Structures are given as structure tokens and as C-alpha cells.
Full PDB file with SEQRES, HELIX, SHEET, SSBOND, CRYST1, ORIGX, SCALE, CONECT and MASTER records, all heavy atoms in Angstrom:
SEQRES   1 A   41  SER SER TYR ARG HIS GLN ARG ARG GLN TYR SER SER LEU          
SEQRES   2 A   41  LYS ASN ALA GLN GLN GLY THR ILE ALA ILE ILE ILE LEU          
SEQRES   3 A   41  SER SER PHE LEU TYR CYS GLN VAL LEU TYR CYS TYR ASP          
SEQRES   4 A   41  ALA ASN                                                      
HELIX    1 AA1 HIS A    5  GLN A    9  1                                   5    
HELIX    2 AA2 LEU A   13  LEU A   30  1                                  18    
HELIX    3 AA3 VAL A   34  CYS A   37  1                                   4    
CRYST1    1.000    1.000    1.000  90.00  90.00  90.00 P 1           1          
ORIGX1      1.000000  0.000000  0.000000        0.00000                         
ORIGX2      0.000000  1.000000  0.000000        0.00000                         
ORIGX3      0.000000  0.000000  1.000000        0.00000                         
SCALE1      1.000000  0.000000  0.000000        0.00000                         
SCALE2      0.000000  1.000000  0.000000        0.00000                         
SCALE3      0.000000  0.000000  1.000000        0.00000                         
ATOM      1  N   SER A   1      40.313  84.225 217.319  1.00  0.00           N  
ATOM      2  CA  SER A   1      40.456  85.586 217.845  1.00  0.00           C  
ATOM      3  C   SER A   1      39.127  86.306 218.005  1.00  0.00           C  
ATOM      4  O   SER A   1      39.093  87.450 218.474  1.00  0.00           O  
ATOM      5  CB  SER A   1      41.364  86.404 216.919  1.00  0.00           C  
ATOM      6  OG  SER A   1      40.731  86.592 215.661  1.00  0.00           O  
ATOM      7  N   SER A   2      38.025  85.651 217.603  1.00  0.00           N  
ATOM      8  CA  SER A   2      36.711  86.275 217.680  1.00  0.00           C  
ATOM      9  C   SER A   2      36.272  86.460 219.133  1.00  0.00           C  
ATOM     10  O   SER A   2      36.570  85.635 219.999  1.00  0.00           O  
ATOM     11  CB  SER A   2      35.680  85.431 216.925  1.00  0.00           C  
ATOM     12  OG  SER A   2      34.387  85.989 217.058  1.00  0.00           O  
ATOM     13  N   TYR A   3      35.557  87.549 219.407  1.00  0.00           N  
ATOM     14  CA  TYR A   3      35.027  87.776 220.753  1.00  0.00           C  
ATOM     15  C   TYR A   3      33.769  86.958 221.010  1.00  0.00           C  
ATOM     16  O   TYR A   3      33.280  86.892 222.139  1.00  0.00           O  
ATOM     17  CB  TYR A   3      34.737  89.269 220.952  1.00  0.00           C  
ATOM     18  CG  TYR A   3      33.642  89.813 220.046  1.00  0.00           C  
ATOM     19  CD1 TYR A   3      32.313  89.860 220.458  1.00  0.00           C  
ATOM     20  CD2 TYR A   3      33.944  90.267 218.761  1.00  0.00           C  
ATOM     21  CE1 TYR A   3      31.321  90.354 219.617  1.00  0.00           C  
ATOM     22  CE2 TYR A   3      32.969  90.746 217.917  1.00  0.00           C  
ATOM     23  CZ  TYR A   3      31.657  90.792 218.356  1.00  0.00           C  
ATOM     24  OH  TYR A   3      30.670  91.268 217.524  1.00  0.00           O  
ATOM     25  N   ARG A   4      33.240  86.319 219.951  1.00  0.00           N  
ATOM     26  CA  ARG A   4      32.051  85.481 220.106  1.00  0.00           C  
ATOM     27  C   ARG A   4      32.458  84.045 220.422  1.00  0.00           C  
ATOM     28  O   ARG A   4      33.235  83.427 219.693  1.00  0.00           O  
ATOM     29  CB  ARG A   4      31.207  85.511 218.829  1.00  0.00           C  
ATOM     30  CG  ARG A   4      30.634  86.881 218.507  1.00  0.00           C  
ATOM     31  CD  ARG A   4      29.742  86.815 217.278  1.00  0.00           C  
ATOM     32  NE  ARG A   4      29.220  88.128 216.916  1.00  0.00           N  
ATOM     33  CZ  ARG A   4      28.426  88.350 215.864  1.00  0.00           C  
ATOM     34  NH1 ARG A   4      28.094  87.330 215.064  1.00  0.00           N  
ATOM     35  NH2 ARG A   4      27.979  89.565 215.609  1.00  0.00           N  
ATOM     36  N   HIS A   5      31.917  83.534 221.504  1.00  0.00           N  
ATOM     37  CA  HIS A   5      32.275  82.189 221.958  1.00  0.00           C  
ATOM     38  C   HIS A   5      31.879  81.125 220.924  1.00  0.00           C  
ATOM     39  O   HIS A   5      32.605  80.134 220.727  1.00  0.00           O  
ATOM     40  CB  HIS A   5      31.590  81.900 223.293  1.00  0.00           C  
ATOM     41  CG  HIS A   5      31.893  80.526 223.824  1.00  0.00           C  
ATOM     42  ND1 HIS A   5      33.160  80.144 224.234  1.00  0.00           N  
ATOM     43  CD2 HIS A   5      31.090  79.431 224.009  1.00  0.00           C  
ATOM     44  CE1 HIS A   5      33.126  78.895 224.631  1.00  0.00           C  
ATOM     45  NE2 HIS A   5      31.892  78.436 224.513  1.00  0.00           N  
ATOM     46  N   GLN A   6      30.745  81.315 220.249  1.00  0.00           N  
ATOM     47  CA  GLN A   6      30.283  80.326 219.267  1.00  0.00           C  
ATOM     48  C   GLN A   6      31.270  80.191 218.112  1.00  0.00           C  
ATOM     49  O   GLN A   6      31.509  79.086 217.615  1.00  0.00           O  
ATOM     50  CB  GLN A   6      28.906  80.716 218.736  1.00  0.00           C  
ATOM     51  CG  GLN A   6      27.790  80.578 219.780  1.00  0.00           C  
ATOM     52  CD  GLN A   6      26.441  80.996 219.215  1.00  0.00           C  
ATOM     53  OE1 GLN A   6      26.361  81.754 218.244  1.00  0.00           O  
ATOM     54  NE2 GLN A   6      25.366  80.486 219.811  1.00  0.00           N  
ATOM     55  N   ARG A   7      31.837  81.286 217.672  1.00  0.00           N  
ATOM     56  CA  ARG A   7      32.826  81.229 216.587  1.00  0.00           C  
ATOM     57  C   ARG A   7      34.095  80.530 217.060  1.00  0.00           C  
ATOM     58  O   ARG A   7      34.689  79.741 216.323  1.00  0.00           O  
ATOM     59  CB  ARG A   7      33.149  82.636 216.099  1.00  0.00           C  
ATOM     60  CG  ARG A   7      32.061  83.266 215.240  1.00  0.00           C  
ATOM     61  CD  ARG A   7      32.488  84.641 214.764  1.00  0.00           C  
ATOM     62  NE  ARG A   7      31.455  85.277 213.959  1.00  0.00           N  
ATOM     63  CZ  ARG A   7      31.505  86.543 213.531  1.00  0.00           C  
ATOM     64  NH1 ARG A   7      32.567  87.291 213.844  1.00  0.00           N  
ATOM     65  NH2 ARG A   7      30.525  87.054 212.817  1.00  0.00           N  
ATOM     66  N   ARG A   8      34.543  80.834 218.265  1.00  0.00           N  
ATOM     67  CA  ARG A   8      35.771  80.218 218.769  1.00  0.00           C  
ATOM     68  C   ARG A   8      35.642  78.701 218.869  1.00  0.00           C  
ATOM     69  O   ARG A   8      36.631  77.979 218.728  1.00  0.00           O  
ATOM     70  CB  ARG A   8      36.135  80.803 220.134  1.00  0.00           C  
ATOM     71  CG  ARG A   8      36.549  82.266 220.086  1.00  0.00           C  
ATOM     72  CD  ARG A   8      37.307  82.672 221.336  1.00  0.00           C  
ATOM     73  NE  ARG A   8      36.522  82.488 222.540  1.00  0.00           N  
ATOM     74  CZ  ARG A   8      35.683  83.383 223.048  1.00  0.00           C  
ATOM     75  NH1 ARG A   8      35.545  84.559 222.445  1.00  0.00           N  
ATOM     76  NH2 ARG A   8      35.010  83.132 224.153  1.00  0.00           N  
ATOM     77  N   GLN A   9      34.430  78.218 219.098  1.00  0.00           N  
ATOM     78  CA  GLN A   9      34.226  76.772 219.203  1.00  0.00           C  
ATOM     79  C   GLN A   9      34.476  76.057 217.874  1.00  0.00           C  
ATOM     80  O   GLN A   9      34.765  74.850 217.872  1.00  0.00           O  
ATOM     81  CB  GLN A   9      32.802  76.471 219.692  1.00  0.00           C  
ATOM     82  CG  GLN A   9      32.591  76.748 221.173  1.00  0.00           C  
ATOM     83  CD  GLN A   9      31.191  76.370 221.627  1.00  0.00           C  
ATOM     84  OE1 GLN A   9      30.210  76.620 220.919  1.00  0.00           O  
ATOM     85  NE2 GLN A   9      31.089  75.764 222.803  1.00  0.00           N  
ATOM     86  N   TYR A  10      34.345  76.776 216.740  1.00  0.00           N  
ATOM     87  CA  TYR A  10      34.602  76.156 215.434  1.00  0.00           C  
ATOM     88  C   TYR A  10      36.091  75.889 215.198  1.00  0.00           C  
ATOM     89  O   TYR A  10      36.444  75.136 214.305  1.00  0.00           O  
ATOM     90  CB  TYR A  10      34.066  77.044 214.312  1.00  0.00           C  
ATOM     91  CG  TYR A  10      32.561  77.005 214.177  1.00  0.00           C  
ATOM     92  CD1 TYR A  10      31.791  78.110 214.519  1.00  0.00           C  
ATOM     93  CD2 TYR A  10      31.903  75.865 213.713  1.00  0.00           C  
ATOM     94  CE1 TYR A  10      30.404  78.085 214.395  1.00  0.00           C  
ATOM     95  CE2 TYR A  10      30.522  75.832 213.594  1.00  0.00           C  
ATOM     96  CZ  TYR A  10      29.771  76.947 213.942  1.00  0.00           C  
ATOM     97  OH  TYR A  10      28.411  76.923 213.832  1.00  0.00           O  
ATOM     98  N   SER A  11      36.947  76.543 215.992  1.00  0.00           N  
ATOM     99  CA  SER A  11      38.381  76.290 215.894  1.00  0.00           C  
ATOM    100  C   SER A  11      38.710  75.048 216.709  1.00  0.00           C  
ATOM    101  O   SER A  11      38.982  75.107 217.903  1.00  0.00           O  
ATOM    102  CB  SER A  11      39.170  77.503 216.436  1.00  0.00           C  
ATOM    103  OG  SER A  11      40.547  77.225 216.439  1.00  0.00           O  
ATOM    104  N   SER A  12      38.689  73.905 216.035  1.00  0.00           N  
ATOM    105  CA  SER A  12      38.938  72.631 216.718  1.00  0.00           C  
ATOM    106  C   SER A  12      39.739  71.709 215.803  1.00  0.00           C  
ATOM    107  O   SER A  12      39.738  71.872 214.582  1.00  0.00           O  
ATOM    108  CB  SER A  12      37.619  71.964 217.112  1.00  0.00           C  
ATOM    109  OG  SER A  12      36.888  71.577 215.964  1.00  0.00           O  
ATOM    110  N   LEU A  13      40.410  70.750 216.428  1.00  0.00           N  
ATOM    111  CA  LEU A  13      41.212  69.803 215.657  1.00  0.00           C  
ATOM    112  C   LEU A  13      40.329  68.957 214.740  1.00  0.00           C  
ATOM    113  O   LEU A  13      40.719  68.641 213.606  1.00  0.00           O  
ATOM    114  CB  LEU A  13      42.007  68.909 216.607  1.00  0.00           C  
ATOM    115  CG  LEU A  13      42.988  67.925 215.957  1.00  0.00           C  
ATOM    116  CD1 LEU A  13      44.023  68.648 215.129  1.00  0.00           C  
ATOM    117  CD2 LEU A  13      43.654  67.066 217.027  1.00  0.00           C  
ATOM    118  N   LYS A  14      39.143  68.596 215.209  1.00  0.00           N  
ATOM    119  CA  LYS A  14      38.229  67.793 214.401  1.00  0.00           C  
ATOM    120  C   LYS A  14      37.829  68.534 213.119  1.00  0.00           C  
ATOM    121  O   LYS A  14      37.828  67.963 212.022  1.00  0.00           O  
ATOM    122  CB  LYS A  14      36.991  67.424 215.214  1.00  0.00           C  
ATOM    123  CG  LYS A  14      35.987  66.574 214.450  1.00  0.00           C  
ATOM    124  CD  LYS A  14      34.774  66.249 215.306  1.00  0.00           C  
ATOM    125  CE  LYS A  14      33.754  65.423 214.504  1.00  0.00           C  
ATOM    126  NZ  LYS A  14      32.549  65.112 215.320  1.00  0.00           N  
ATOM    127  N   ASN A  15      37.482  69.823 213.260  1.00  0.00           N  
ATOM    128  CA  ASN A  15      37.114  70.612 212.087  1.00  0.00           C  
ATOM    129  C   ASN A  15      38.303  70.805 211.145  1.00  0.00           C  
ATOM    130  O   ASN A  15      38.136  70.835 209.919  1.00  0.00           O  
ATOM    131  CB  ASN A  15      36.584  71.983 212.520  1.00  0.00           C  
ATOM    132  CG  ASN A  15      35.189  71.902 213.116  1.00  0.00           C  
ATOM    133  OD1 ASN A  15      34.464  70.932 212.888  1.00  0.00           O  
ATOM    134  ND2 ASN A  15      34.811  72.901 213.897  1.00  0.00           N  
ATOM    135  N   ALA A  16      39.497  70.921 211.717  1.00  0.00           N  
ATOM    136  CA  ALA A  16      40.693  71.045 210.884  1.00  0.00           C  
ATOM    137  C   ALA A  16      40.921  69.772 210.072  1.00  0.00           C  
ATOM    138  O   ALA A  16      41.276  69.833 208.884  1.00  0.00           O  
ATOM    139  CB  ALA A  16      41.907  71.345 211.757  1.00  0.00           C  
ATOM    140  N   GLN A  17      40.728  68.632 210.693  1.00  0.00           N  
ATOM    141  CA  GLN A  17      40.894  67.356 209.989  1.00  0.00           C  
ATOM    142  C   GLN A  17      39.855  67.196 208.883  1.00  0.00           C  
ATOM    143  O   GLN A  17      40.169  66.768 207.770  1.00  0.00           O  
ATOM    144  CB  GLN A  17      40.799  66.207 210.988  1.00  0.00           C  
ATOM    145  CG  GLN A  17      41.971  66.159 211.966  1.00  0.00           C  
ATOM    146  CD  GLN A  17      41.750  65.192 213.102  1.00  0.00           C  
ATOM    147  OE1 GLN A  17      40.623  64.759 213.365  1.00  0.00           O  
ATOM    148  NE2 GLN A  17      42.825  64.834 213.808  1.00  0.00           N  
ATOM    149  N   GLN A  18      38.602  67.558 209.178  1.00  0.00           N  
ATOM    150  CA  GLN A  18      37.540  67.471 208.167  1.00  0.00           C  
ATOM    151  C   GLN A  18      37.795  68.452 207.026  1.00  0.00           C  
ATOM    152  O   GLN A  18      37.579  68.117 205.850  1.00  0.00           O  
ATOM    153  CB  GLN A  18      36.184  67.732 208.818  1.00  0.00           C  
ATOM    154  CG  GLN A  18      35.744  66.648 209.786  1.00  0.00           C  
ATOM    155  CD  GLN A  18      34.439  66.986 210.493  1.00  0.00           C  
ATOM    156  OE1 GLN A  18      33.977  68.137 210.467  1.00  0.00           O  
ATOM    157  NE2 GLN A  18      33.829  65.992 211.127  1.00  0.00           N  
ATOM    158  N   GLY A  19      38.256  69.659 207.358  1.00  0.00           N  
ATOM    159  CA  GLY A  19      38.563  70.640 206.321  1.00  0.00           C  
ATOM    160  C   GLY A  19      39.705  70.183 205.426  1.00  0.00           C  
ATOM    161  O   GLY A  19      39.669  70.395 204.208  1.00  0.00           O  
ATOM    162  N   THR A  20      40.703  69.530 206.012  1.00  0.00           N  
ATOM    163  CA  THR A  20      41.828  69.020 205.234  1.00  0.00           C  
ATOM    164  C   THR A  20      41.383  67.934 204.264  1.00  0.00           C  
ATOM    165  O   THR A  20      41.796  67.928 203.091  1.00  0.00           O  
ATOM    166  CB  THR A  20      42.908  68.459 206.183  1.00  0.00           C  
ATOM    167  OG1 THR A  20      43.363  69.509 207.043  1.00  0.00           O  
ATOM    168  CG2 THR A  20      44.080  67.897 205.391  1.00  0.00           C  
ATOM    169  N   ILE A  21      40.554  67.028 204.732  1.00  0.00           N  
ATOM    170  CA  ILE A  21      40.039  65.961 203.854  1.00  0.00           C  
ATOM    171  C   ILE A  21      39.249  66.562 202.689  1.00  0.00           C  
ATOM    172  O   ILE A  21      39.394  66.141 201.533  1.00  0.00           O  
ATOM    173  CB  ILE A  21      39.164  64.981 204.661  1.00  0.00           C  
ATOM    174  CG1 ILE A  21      40.027  64.219 205.671  1.00  0.00           C  
ATOM    175  CG2 ILE A  21      38.450  64.001 203.733  1.00  0.00           C  
ATOM    176  CD1 ILE A  21      39.232  63.362 206.637  1.00  0.00           C  
ATOM    177  N   ALA A  22      38.428  67.576 202.991  1.00  0.00           N  
ATOM    178  CA  ALA A  22      37.630  68.233 201.948  1.00  0.00           C  
ATOM    179  C   ALA A  22      38.530  68.902 200.912  1.00  0.00           C  
ATOM    180  O   ALA A  22      38.284  68.809 199.696  1.00  0.00           O  
ATOM    181  CB  ALA A  22      36.690  69.254 202.578  1.00  0.00           C  
ATOM    182  N   ILE A  23      39.593  69.558 201.371  1.00  0.00           N  
ATOM    183  CA  ILE A  23      40.520  70.231 200.450  1.00  0.00           C  
ATOM    184  C   ILE A  23      41.233  69.227 199.565  1.00  0.00           C  
ATOM    185  O   ILE A  23      41.406  69.445 198.354  1.00  0.00           O  
ATOM    186  CB  ILE A  23      41.536  71.074 201.242  1.00  0.00           C  
ATOM    187  CG1 ILE A  23      40.865  72.293 201.862  1.00  0.00           C  
ATOM    188  CG2 ILE A  23      42.695  71.511 200.347  1.00  0.00           C  
ATOM    189  CD1 ILE A  23      40.284  73.272 200.857  1.00  0.00           C  
ATOM    190  N   ILE A  24      41.644  68.090 200.122  1.00  0.00           N  
ATOM    191  CA  ILE A  24      42.327  67.054 199.334  1.00  0.00           C  
ATOM    192  C   ILE A  24      41.412  66.521 198.241  1.00  0.00           C  
ATOM    193  O   ILE A  24      41.814  66.372 197.078  1.00  0.00           O  
ATOM    194  CB  ILE A  24      42.807  65.912 200.253  1.00  0.00           C  
ATOM    195  CG1 ILE A  24      43.908  66.413 201.182  1.00  0.00           C  
ATOM    196  CG2 ILE A  24      43.312  64.724 199.425  1.00  0.00           C  
ATOM    197  CD1 ILE A  24      44.325  65.413 202.239  1.00  0.00           C  
ATOM    198  N   ILE A  25      40.164  66.250 198.593  1.00  0.00           N  
ATOM    199  CA  ILE A  25      39.199  65.719 197.612  1.00  0.00           C  
ATOM    200  C   ILE A  25      38.907  66.758 196.528  1.00  0.00           C  
ATOM    201  O   ILE A  25      38.935  66.447 195.323  1.00  0.00           O  
ATOM    202  CB  ILE A  25      37.900  65.290 198.322  1.00  0.00           C  
ATOM    203  CG1 ILE A  25      38.173  64.096 199.247  1.00  0.00           C  
ATOM    204  CG2 ILE A  25      36.829  64.923 197.297  1.00  0.00           C  
ATOM    205  CD1 ILE A  25      36.989  63.713 200.116  1.00  0.00           C  
ATOM    206  N   LEU A  26      38.643  68.003 196.922  1.00  0.00           N  
ATOM    207  CA  LEU A  26      38.304  69.043 195.958  1.00  0.00           C  
ATOM    208  C   LEU A  26      39.487  69.375 195.044  1.00  0.00           C  
ATOM    209  O   LEU A  26      39.301  69.606 193.843  1.00  0.00           O  
ATOM    210  CB  LEU A  26      37.842  70.302 196.700  1.00  0.00           C  
ATOM    211  CG  LEU A  26      36.489  70.196 197.422  1.00  0.00           C  
ATOM    212  CD1 LEU A  26      36.208  71.454 198.226  1.00  0.00           C  
ATOM    213  CD2 LEU A  26      35.364  69.957 196.421  1.00  0.00           C  
ATOM    214  N   SER A  27      40.688  69.383 195.597  1.00  0.00           N  
ATOM    215  CA  SER A  27      41.871  69.671 194.778  1.00  0.00           C  
ATOM    216  C   SER A  27      42.106  68.571 193.749  1.00  0.00           C  
ATOM    217  O   SER A  27      42.458  68.844 192.600  1.00  0.00           O  
ATOM    218  CB  SER A  27      43.105  69.831 195.666  1.00  0.00           C  
ATOM    219  OG  SER A  27      42.963  70.941 196.539  1.00  0.00           O  
ATOM    220  N   SER A  28      41.903  67.330 194.158  1.00  0.00           N  
ATOM    221  CA  SER A  28      42.060  66.200 193.220  1.00  0.00           C  
ATOM    222  C   SER A  28      41.029  66.280 192.105  1.00  0.00           C  
ATOM    223  O   SER A  28      41.340  66.039 190.926  1.00  0.00           O  
ATOM    224  CB  SER A  28      41.934  64.870 193.973  1.00  0.00           C  
ATOM    225  OG  SER A  28      42.906  64.766 194.980  1.00  0.00           O  
ATOM    226  N   PHE A  29      39.799  66.623 192.469  1.00  0.00           N  
ATOM    227  CA  PHE A  29      38.738  66.767 191.466  1.00  0.00           C  
ATOM    228  C   PHE A  29      39.010  67.949 190.541  1.00  0.00           C  
ATOM    229  O   PHE A  29      38.765  67.884 189.333  1.00  0.00           O  
ATOM    230  CB  PHE A  29      37.395  66.950 192.173  1.00  0.00           C  
ATOM    231  CG  PHE A  29      36.242  67.175 191.232  1.00  0.00           C  
ATOM    232  CD1 PHE A  29      35.683  66.128 190.518  1.00  0.00           C  
ATOM    233  CD2 PHE A  29      35.722  68.454 191.046  1.00  0.00           C  
ATOM    234  CE1 PHE A  29      34.623  66.332 189.640  1.00  0.00           C  
ATOM    235  CE2 PHE A  29      34.664  68.667 190.177  1.00  0.00           C  
ATOM    236  CZ  PHE A  29      34.110  67.600 189.472  1.00  0.00           C  
ATOM    237  N   LEU A  30      39.560  69.026 191.113  1.00  0.00           N  
ATOM    238  CA  LEU A  30      39.807  70.246 190.350  1.00  0.00           C  
ATOM    239  C   LEU A  30      40.794  70.012 189.212  1.00  0.00           C  
ATOM    240  O   LEU A  30      40.650  70.577 188.117  1.00  0.00           O  
ATOM    241  CB  LEU A  30      40.356  71.326 191.295  1.00  0.00           C  
ATOM    242  CG  LEU A  30      40.625  72.710 190.715  1.00  0.00           C  
ATOM    243  CD1 LEU A  30      39.320  73.389 190.321  1.00  0.00           C  
ATOM    244  CD2 LEU A  30      41.381  73.567 191.732  1.00  0.00           C  
ATOM    245  N   TYR A  31      41.793  69.136 189.440  1.00  0.00           N  
ATOM    246  CA  TYR A  31      42.837  68.931 188.450  1.00  0.00           C  
ATOM    247  C   TYR A  31      42.763  67.571 187.763  1.00  0.00           C  
ATOM    248  O   TYR A  31      43.738  67.156 187.119  1.00  0.00           O  
ATOM    249  CB  TYR A  31      44.206  69.088 189.106  1.00  0.00           C  
ATOM    250  CG  TYR A  31      44.570  70.537 189.347  1.00  0.00           C  
ATOM    251  CD1 TYR A  31      44.560  71.067 190.637  1.00  0.00           C  
ATOM    252  CD2 TYR A  31      44.891  71.374 188.291  1.00  0.00           C  
ATOM    253  CE1 TYR A  31      44.885  72.396 190.864  1.00  0.00           C  
ATOM    254  CE2 TYR A  31      45.213  72.699 188.502  1.00  0.00           C  
ATOM    255  CZ  TYR A  31      45.204  73.207 189.792  1.00  0.00           C  
ATOM    256  OH  TYR A  31      45.514  74.525 189.998  1.00  0.00           O  
ATOM    257  N   CYS A  32      41.628  66.894 187.861  1.00  0.00           N  
ATOM    258  CA  CYS A  32      41.507  65.610 187.162  1.00  0.00           C  
ATOM    259  C   CYS A  32      41.589  65.791 185.646  1.00  0.00           C  
ATOM    260  O   CYS A  32      41.973  64.867 184.911  1.00  0.00           O  
ATOM    261  CB  CYS A  32      40.212  64.910 187.563  1.00  0.00           C  
ATOM    262  SG  CYS A  32      38.712  65.797 187.124  1.00  0.00           S  
ATOM    263  N   GLN A  33      41.247  66.998 185.156  1.00  0.00           N  
ATOM    264  CA  GLN A  33      41.342  67.259 183.712  1.00  0.00           C  
ATOM    265  C   GLN A  33      42.782  67.236 183.211  1.00  0.00           C  
ATOM    266  O   GLN A  33      43.039  67.072 182.021  1.00  0.00           O  
ATOM    267  CB  GLN A  33      40.673  68.599 183.369  1.00  0.00           C  
ATOM    268  CG  GLN A  33      40.908  69.732 184.345  1.00  0.00           C  
ATOM    269  CD  GLN A  33      42.188  70.499 184.104  1.00  0.00           C  
ATOM    270  OE1 GLN A  33      42.784  70.420 183.045  1.00  0.00           O  
ATOM    271  NE2 GLN A  33      42.624  71.255 185.088  1.00  0.00           N  
ATOM    272  N   VAL A  34      43.758  67.389 184.124  1.00  0.00           N  
ATOM    273  CA  VAL A  34      45.163  67.353 183.732  1.00  0.00           C  
ATOM    274  C   VAL A  34      45.540  65.992 183.149  1.00  0.00           C  
ATOM    275  O   VAL A  34      46.369  65.893 182.242  1.00  0.00           O  
ATOM    276  CB  VAL A  34      46.059  67.697 184.946  1.00  0.00           C  
ATOM    277  CG1 VAL A  34      47.530  67.423 184.644  1.00  0.00           C  
ATOM    278  CG2 VAL A  34      45.867  69.154 185.334  1.00  0.00           C  
ATOM    279  N   LEU A  35      44.895  64.933 183.646  1.00  0.00           N  
ATOM    280  CA  LEU A  35      45.204  63.586 183.166  1.00  0.00           C  
ATOM    281  C   LEU A  35      44.861  63.420 181.684  1.00  0.00           C  
ATOM    282  O   LEU A  35      45.421  62.547 181.012  1.00  0.00           O  
ATOM    283  CB  LEU A  35      44.445  62.554 184.002  1.00  0.00           C  
ATOM    284  CG  LEU A  35      44.809  62.527 185.490  1.00  0.00           C  
ATOM    285  CD1 LEU A  35      43.906  61.564 186.235  1.00  0.00           C  
ATOM    286  CD2 LEU A  35      46.274  62.155 185.675  1.00  0.00           C  
ATOM    287  N   TYR A  36      43.944  64.252 181.197  1.00  0.00           N  
ATOM    288  CA  TYR A  36      43.632  64.244 179.763  1.00  0.00           C  
ATOM    289  C   TYR A  36      44.406  65.326 179.018  1.00  0.00           C  
ATOM    290  O   TYR A  36      44.956  65.092 177.933  1.00  0.00           O  
ATOM    291  CB  TYR A  36      42.136  64.459 179.550  1.00  0.00           C  
ATOM    292  CG  TYR A  36      41.790  64.788 178.111  1.00  0.00           C  
ATOM    293  CD1 TYR A  36      41.759  63.787 177.139  1.00  0.00           C  
ATOM    294  CD2 TYR A  36      41.526  66.104 177.719  1.00  0.00           C  
ATOM    295  CE1 TYR A  36      41.472  64.091 175.808  1.00  0.00           C  
ATOM    296  CE2 TYR A  36      41.237  66.412 176.399  1.00  0.00           C  
ATOM    297  CZ  TYR A  36      41.216  65.404 175.448  1.00  0.00           C  
ATOM    298  OH  TYR A  36      40.930  65.703 174.142  1.00  0.00           O  
ATOM    299  N   CYS A  37      44.475  66.512 179.620  1.00  0.00           N  
ATOM    300  CA  CYS A  37      44.997  67.676 178.906  1.00  0.00           C  
ATOM    301  C   CYS A  37      46.503  67.652 178.694  1.00  0.00           C  
ATOM    302  O   CYS A  37      46.992  68.057 177.633  1.00  0.00           O  
ATOM    303  CB  CYS A  37      44.607  68.954 179.655  1.00  0.00           C  
ATOM    304  SG  CYS A  37      42.890  69.456 179.376  1.00  0.00           S  
ATOM    305  N   TYR A  38      47.240  67.202 179.677  1.00  0.00           N  
ATOM    306  CA  TYR A  38      48.699  67.277 179.565  1.00  0.00           C  
ATOM    307  C   TYR A  38      49.251  66.158 178.687  1.00  0.00           C  
ATOM    308  O   TYR A  38      48.730  65.047 178.680  1.00  0.00           O  
ATOM    309  CB  TYR A  38      49.341  67.211 180.953  1.00  0.00           C  
ATOM    310  CG  TYR A  38      49.617  68.574 181.544  1.00  0.00           C  
ATOM    311  CD1 TYR A  38      48.583  69.493 181.728  1.00  0.00           C  
ATOM    312  CD2 TYR A  38      50.900  68.964 181.890  1.00  0.00           C  
ATOM    313  CE1 TYR A  38      48.827  70.741 182.260  1.00  0.00           C  
ATOM    314  CE2 TYR A  38      51.170  70.210 182.417  1.00  0.00           C  
ATOM    315  CZ  TYR A  38      50.118  71.095 182.600  1.00  0.00           C  
ATOM    316  OH  TYR A  38      50.374  72.344 183.119  1.00  0.00           O  
ATOM    317  N   ASP A  39      50.317  66.500 177.969  1.00  0.00           N  
ATOM    318  CA  ASP A  39      50.970  65.515 177.117  1.00  0.00           C  
ATOM    319  C   ASP A  39      52.442  65.891 176.970  1.00  0.00           C  
ATOM    320  O   ASP A  39      52.834  67.040 177.211  1.00  0.00           O  
ATOM    321  CB  ASP A  39      50.294  65.449 175.749  1.00  0.00           C  
ATOM    322  CG  ASP A  39      50.488  64.089 175.080  1.00  0.00           C  
ATOM    323  OD1 ASP A  39      51.285  63.283 175.598  1.00  0.00           O  
ATOM    324  OD2 ASP A  39      49.848  63.844 174.044  1.00  0.00           O  
ATOM    325  N   ALA A  40      53.235  64.937 176.582  1.00  0.00           N  
ATOM    326  CA  ALA A  40      54.677  65.157 176.415  1.00  0.00           C  
ATOM    327  C   ALA A  40      54.994  65.614 174.990  1.00  0.00           C  
ATOM    328  O   ALA A  40      54.125  65.616 174.108  1.00  0.00           O  
ATOM    329  CB  ALA A  40      55.433  63.881 176.752  1.00  0.00           C  
ATOM    330  N   ASN A  41      56.240  66.017 174.782  1.00  0.00           N  
ATOM    331  CA  ASN A  41      56.756  66.418 173.464  1.00  0.00           C  
ATOM    332  C   ASN A  41      56.029  67.619 172.872  1.00  0.00           C  
ATOM    333  O   ASN A  41      55.840  67.698 171.650  1.00  0.00           O  
ATOM    334  CB  ASN A  41      56.682  65.238 172.488  1.00  0.00           C  
ATOM    335  CG  ASN A  41      57.553  64.078 172.924  1.00  0.00           C  
ATOM    336  OD1 ASN A  41      58.737  64.249 173.198  1.00  0.00           O  
ATOM    337  ND2 ASN A  41      56.955  62.898 172.998  1.00  0.00           N  
TER     338      ASN A  41                                                      
MASTER        0    0    0    3    0    0    0    6  337    1    0    4          
END                                                                             
């Protein structure tokens, strides 16, 4: 929605795919401590 053409160019499927991969990796890293911290009973 930006009036600047340079900003509108960042809205692309390629950038969306790269952003999704980054979020998946960072989210997995963010909660890796759960594998140690969580326990049953």
C-alpha cells in the first residue's frame, strides 16, 4: 500500500517464501529449550 515504488517491490512471493523459512527456523530455535524443560507427571 506504500506510495513508494521501492517499498512495493519488496512485496513479492520470493520474499514471502524466504520470510517463512526464516520464521520456521527462528521459532524452532526459540523453543528448543522445551525439549529439556518440559516433563510429565
